[in-house]
């Protein structure tokens, strides 16, 4: 029950957060497939692999969130958020 509540709250709050707190941020405008063309030793490639492994795409204006997960090697379960 708690996990479902957190997922629901995330879904609702995500759009509000981007609208009011990230409105001046510029989206990275890059997709997983493009990141996977970067050299293997780069962070861009590592981020692309993270996104591919978890079947994600970067959220507009909050791409740094997944970048933090990649750098810190966080999981993607609700509990890891």
N, C-alpha and C. Protein backbone atom coordinates (compact mmCIF):
# COMPACT_ATOMS: atom_id res chain seq x y z
N UNK A 1 0.82 -1.20 0.00
CA UNK A 1 0.00 0.00 0.00
C UNK A 1 0.87 1.27 0.00
N UNK A 2 1.92 1.26 0.82
CA UNK A 2 2.80 2.43 0.89
C UNK A 2 3.48 2.69 -0.45
N UNK A 3 3.95 1.62 -1.08
CA UNK A 3 4.64 1.75 -2.36
C UNK A 3 3.70 2.34 -3.42
N UNK A 4 2.47 1.88 -3.46
CA UNK A 4 1.50 2.40 -4.43
C UNK A 4 1.22 3.87 -4.18
N UNK A 5 1.16 4.26 -2.90
CA UNK A 5 0.93 5.66 -2.57
C UNK A 5 2.10 6.52 -3.06
N UNK A 6 3.31 6.06 -2.85
CA UNK A 6 4.49 6.81 -3.29
C UNK A 6 4.50 6.96 -4.81
N UNK A 7 4.18 5.89 -5.51
CA UNK A 7 4.13 5.95 -6.98
C UNK A 7 3.07 6.95 -7.43
N UNK A 8 1.91 6.92 -6.80
CA UNK A 8 0.83 7.84 -7.15
C UNK A 8 1.25 9.29 -6.88
N UNK A 9 1.86 9.53 -5.72
CA UNK A 9 2.31 10.88 -5.39
C UNK A 9 3.38 11.38 -6.36
N UNK A 10 4.27 10.49 -6.75
CA UNK A 10 5.30 10.86 -7.72
C UNK A 10 4.67 11.26 -9.04
N UNK A 11 3.72 10.48 -9.50
CA UNK A 11 3.05 10.76 -10.77
C UNK A 11 2.38 12.14 -10.75
N UNK A 12 1.72 12.45 -9.65
CA UNK A 12 1.03 13.73 -9.51
C UNK A 12 2.03 14.88 -9.37
N UNK A 13 3.02 14.69 -8.51
CA UNK A 13 3.93 15.80 -8.19
C UNK A 13 4.94 16.10 -9.29
N UNK A 14 5.23 15.14 -10.13
CA UNK A 14 6.24 15.33 -11.18
C UNK A 14 5.91 16.51 -12.09
N UNK A 15 4.70 16.56 -12.57
CA UNK A 15 4.31 17.64 -13.48
C UNK A 15 4.30 18.99 -12.78
N UNK A 16 3.85 19.02 -11.54
CA UNK A 16 3.84 20.26 -10.75
C UNK A 16 5.27 20.73 -10.50
N UNK A 17 6.14 19.81 -10.13
CA UNK A 17 7.54 20.14 -9.86
C UNK A 17 8.21 20.75 -11.08
N UNK A 18 8.04 20.13 -12.22
CA UNK A 18 8.66 20.64 -13.45
C UNK A 18 8.07 22.00 -13.81
N UNK A 19 6.78 22.15 -13.68
CA UNK A 19 6.12 23.40 -14.07
C UNK A 19 6.58 24.58 -13.21
N UNK A 20 6.67 24.38 -11.90
CA UNK A 20 6.95 25.50 -11.02
C UNK A 20 8.40 25.64 -10.58
N UNK A 21 9.15 24.57 -10.57
CA UNK A 21 10.51 24.64 -10.06
C UNK A 21 11.58 24.46 -11.14
N UNK A 22 11.20 24.00 -12.30
CA UNK A 22 12.17 23.77 -13.37
C UNK A 22 11.81 24.53 -14.64
N UNK A 23 10.94 25.50 -14.52
CA UNK A 23 10.44 26.17 -15.73
C UNK A 23 11.54 26.89 -16.52
N UNK A 24 12.59 27.33 -15.84
CA UNK A 24 13.67 28.04 -16.55
C UNK A 24 14.77 27.10 -17.02
N UNK A 25 14.68 25.84 -16.63
CA UNK A 25 15.70 24.87 -17.05
C UNK A 25 15.48 24.49 -18.51
N UNK A 26 16.56 24.29 -19.20
CA UNK A 26 16.50 23.89 -20.60
C UNK A 26 16.65 22.37 -20.68
N UNK A 27 15.73 21.69 -21.36
CA UNK A 27 15.85 20.23 -21.49
C UNK A 27 17.15 19.86 -22.19
N UNK A 28 17.69 18.74 -21.82
CA UNK A 28 18.94 18.28 -22.43
C UNK A 28 18.77 17.94 -23.91
N UNK A 29 17.56 17.57 -24.29
CA UNK A 29 17.26 17.29 -25.69
C UNK A 29 18.13 16.17 -26.26
N UNK A 30 18.36 15.12 -25.48
CA UNK A 30 19.13 13.98 -25.92
C UNK A 30 18.36 12.72 -25.54
N UNK A 31 18.46 11.72 -26.38
CA UNK A 31 17.73 10.48 -26.15
C UNK A 31 18.71 9.33 -25.93
N UNK A 32 18.20 8.26 -25.39
CA UNK A 32 19.03 7.10 -25.04
C UNK A 32 19.86 6.64 -26.22
N UNK A 33 19.26 6.50 -27.38
CA UNK A 33 19.99 6.00 -28.55
C UNK A 33 21.17 6.89 -28.91
N UNK A 34 21.02 8.19 -28.75
CA UNK A 34 22.13 9.10 -29.03
C UNK A 34 23.25 8.92 -28.00
N UNK A 35 22.89 8.78 -26.73
CA UNK A 35 23.89 8.57 -25.69
C UNK A 35 24.70 7.30 -25.93
N UNK A 36 24.05 6.29 -26.48
CA UNK A 36 24.73 5.01 -26.73
C UNK A 36 25.72 5.09 -27.89
N UNK A 37 25.74 6.21 -28.63
CA UNK A 37 26.72 6.39 -29.70
C UNK A 37 27.99 7.06 -29.18
N UNK A 38 27.97 7.53 -27.92
CA UNK A 38 29.15 8.16 -27.33
C UNK A 38 30.21 7.09 -27.08
N UNK A 39 31.47 7.49 -26.98
CA UNK A 39 32.52 6.52 -26.67
C UNK A 39 32.24 5.78 -25.36
N UNK A 40 32.59 4.52 -25.31
CA UNK A 40 32.26 3.65 -24.17
C UNK A 40 32.78 4.19 -22.84
N UNK A 41 33.89 4.86 -22.83
CA UNK A 41 34.50 5.33 -21.59
C UNK A 41 33.86 6.61 -21.04
N UNK A 42 32.84 7.13 -21.69
CA UNK A 42 32.28 8.42 -21.28
C UNK A 42 31.07 8.25 -20.37
N UNK A 43 30.80 9.31 -19.63
CA UNK A 43 29.62 9.32 -18.77
C UNK A 43 28.34 9.27 -19.61
N UNK A 44 28.35 9.90 -20.76
CA UNK A 44 27.17 9.88 -21.63
C UNK A 44 26.78 8.46 -22.01
N UNK A 45 27.78 7.66 -22.34
CA UNK A 45 27.51 6.25 -22.68
C UNK A 45 26.98 5.50 -21.45
N UNK A 46 27.60 5.73 -20.29
CA UNK A 46 27.14 5.06 -19.06
C UNK A 46 25.70 5.44 -18.74
N UNK A 47 25.36 6.70 -18.94
CA UNK A 47 23.98 7.15 -18.72
C UNK A 47 23.05 6.47 -19.72
N UNK A 48 23.47 6.39 -20.97
CA UNK A 48 22.68 5.71 -21.99
C UNK A 48 22.43 4.25 -21.63
N UNK A 49 23.45 3.58 -21.11
CA UNK A 49 23.29 2.18 -20.70
C UNK A 49 22.33 2.05 -19.52
N UNK A 50 22.44 2.96 -18.56
CA UNK A 50 21.52 2.97 -17.42
C UNK A 50 20.08 3.11 -17.90
N UNK A 51 19.85 4.06 -18.80
CA UNK A 51 18.51 4.30 -19.32
C UNK A 51 18.00 3.08 -20.10
N UNK A 52 18.86 2.49 -20.91
CA UNK A 52 18.48 1.33 -21.71
C UNK A 52 18.15 0.13 -20.82
N UNK A 53 19.00 -0.13 -19.83
CA UNK A 53 18.80 -1.27 -18.94
C UNK A 53 17.48 -1.18 -18.18
N UNK A 54 17.04 0.04 -17.90
CA UNK A 54 15.81 0.23 -17.13
C UNK A 54 14.64 0.68 -17.99
N UNK A 55 14.85 0.68 -19.32
CA UNK A 55 13.80 1.07 -20.25
C UNK A 55 13.25 2.47 -19.94
N UNK A 56 14.18 3.43 -19.72
CA UNK A 56 13.83 4.81 -19.40
C UNK A 56 14.22 5.73 -20.55
N UNK A 57 13.64 6.89 -20.55
CA UNK A 57 14.09 8.04 -21.33
C UNK A 57 14.21 9.19 -20.33
N UNK A 58 15.05 10.15 -20.65
CA UNK A 58 15.21 11.30 -19.76
C UNK A 58 13.93 12.12 -19.72
N UNK A 59 13.52 12.52 -18.52
CA UNK A 59 12.38 13.44 -18.40
C UNK A 59 12.85 14.82 -18.81
N UNK A 60 12.06 15.53 -19.60
CA UNK A 60 12.46 16.89 -19.96
C UNK A 60 12.68 17.74 -18.72
N UNK A 61 13.75 18.48 -18.71
CA UNK A 61 14.14 19.44 -17.68
C UNK A 61 14.64 18.81 -16.38
N UNK A 62 14.58 17.50 -16.23
CA UNK A 62 15.08 16.88 -15.00
C UNK A 62 15.99 15.68 -15.32
N UNK A 63 16.74 15.78 -16.40
CA UNK A 63 17.65 14.72 -16.79
C UNK A 63 18.73 14.46 -15.76
N UNK A 64 19.05 15.47 -14.97
CA UNK A 64 20.09 15.29 -13.96
C UNK A 64 19.70 14.24 -12.92
N UNK A 65 18.41 14.02 -12.73
CA UNK A 65 17.97 13.01 -11.75
C UNK A 65 18.53 11.63 -12.10
N UNK A 66 18.36 11.21 -13.34
CA UNK A 66 18.89 9.92 -13.76
C UNK A 66 20.42 9.93 -13.81
N UNK A 67 20.99 11.10 -14.07
CA UNK A 67 22.45 11.20 -14.05
C UNK A 67 22.97 10.93 -12.64
N UNK A 68 22.29 11.44 -11.63
CA UNK A 68 22.69 11.17 -10.25
C UNK A 68 22.59 9.68 -9.93
N UNK A 69 21.53 9.05 -10.41
CA UNK A 69 21.39 7.61 -10.20
C UNK A 69 22.56 6.86 -10.83
N UNK A 70 22.97 7.30 -12.00
CA UNK A 70 24.08 6.64 -12.70
C UNK A 70 25.39 6.84 -11.94
N UNK A 71 25.67 8.07 -11.56
CA UNK A 71 26.92 8.37 -10.85
C UNK A 71 27.02 7.66 -9.50
N UNK A 72 25.92 7.66 -8.77
CA UNK A 72 25.93 7.10 -7.42
C UNK A 72 25.58 5.62 -7.40
N UNK A 73 25.26 5.07 -8.56
CA UNK A 73 24.88 3.67 -8.70
C UNK A 73 23.66 3.32 -7.82
N UNK A 74 22.71 4.24 -7.79
CA UNK A 74 21.45 3.99 -7.09
C UNK A 74 20.61 3.04 -7.92
N UNK A 75 19.74 2.33 -7.26
CA UNK A 75 18.78 1.49 -7.95
C UNK A 75 17.62 2.34 -8.44
N UNK A 76 16.64 1.68 -9.02
CA UNK A 76 15.49 2.41 -9.56
C UNK A 76 14.19 2.02 -8.86
N UNK A 77 14.28 1.23 -7.81
CA UNK A 77 13.08 0.87 -7.06
C UNK A 77 12.57 2.10 -6.30
N UNK A 78 11.30 2.08 -5.98
CA UNK A 78 10.70 3.20 -5.25
C UNK A 78 11.50 3.47 -3.97
N UNK A 79 11.96 2.43 -3.33
CA UNK A 79 12.70 2.58 -2.07
C UNK A 79 14.03 3.33 -2.28
N UNK A 80 14.57 3.28 -3.49
CA UNK A 80 15.85 3.95 -3.76
C UNK A 80 15.68 5.44 -4.01
N UNK A 81 14.48 5.87 -4.19
CA UNK A 81 14.24 7.30 -4.44
C UNK A 81 14.35 8.04 -3.14
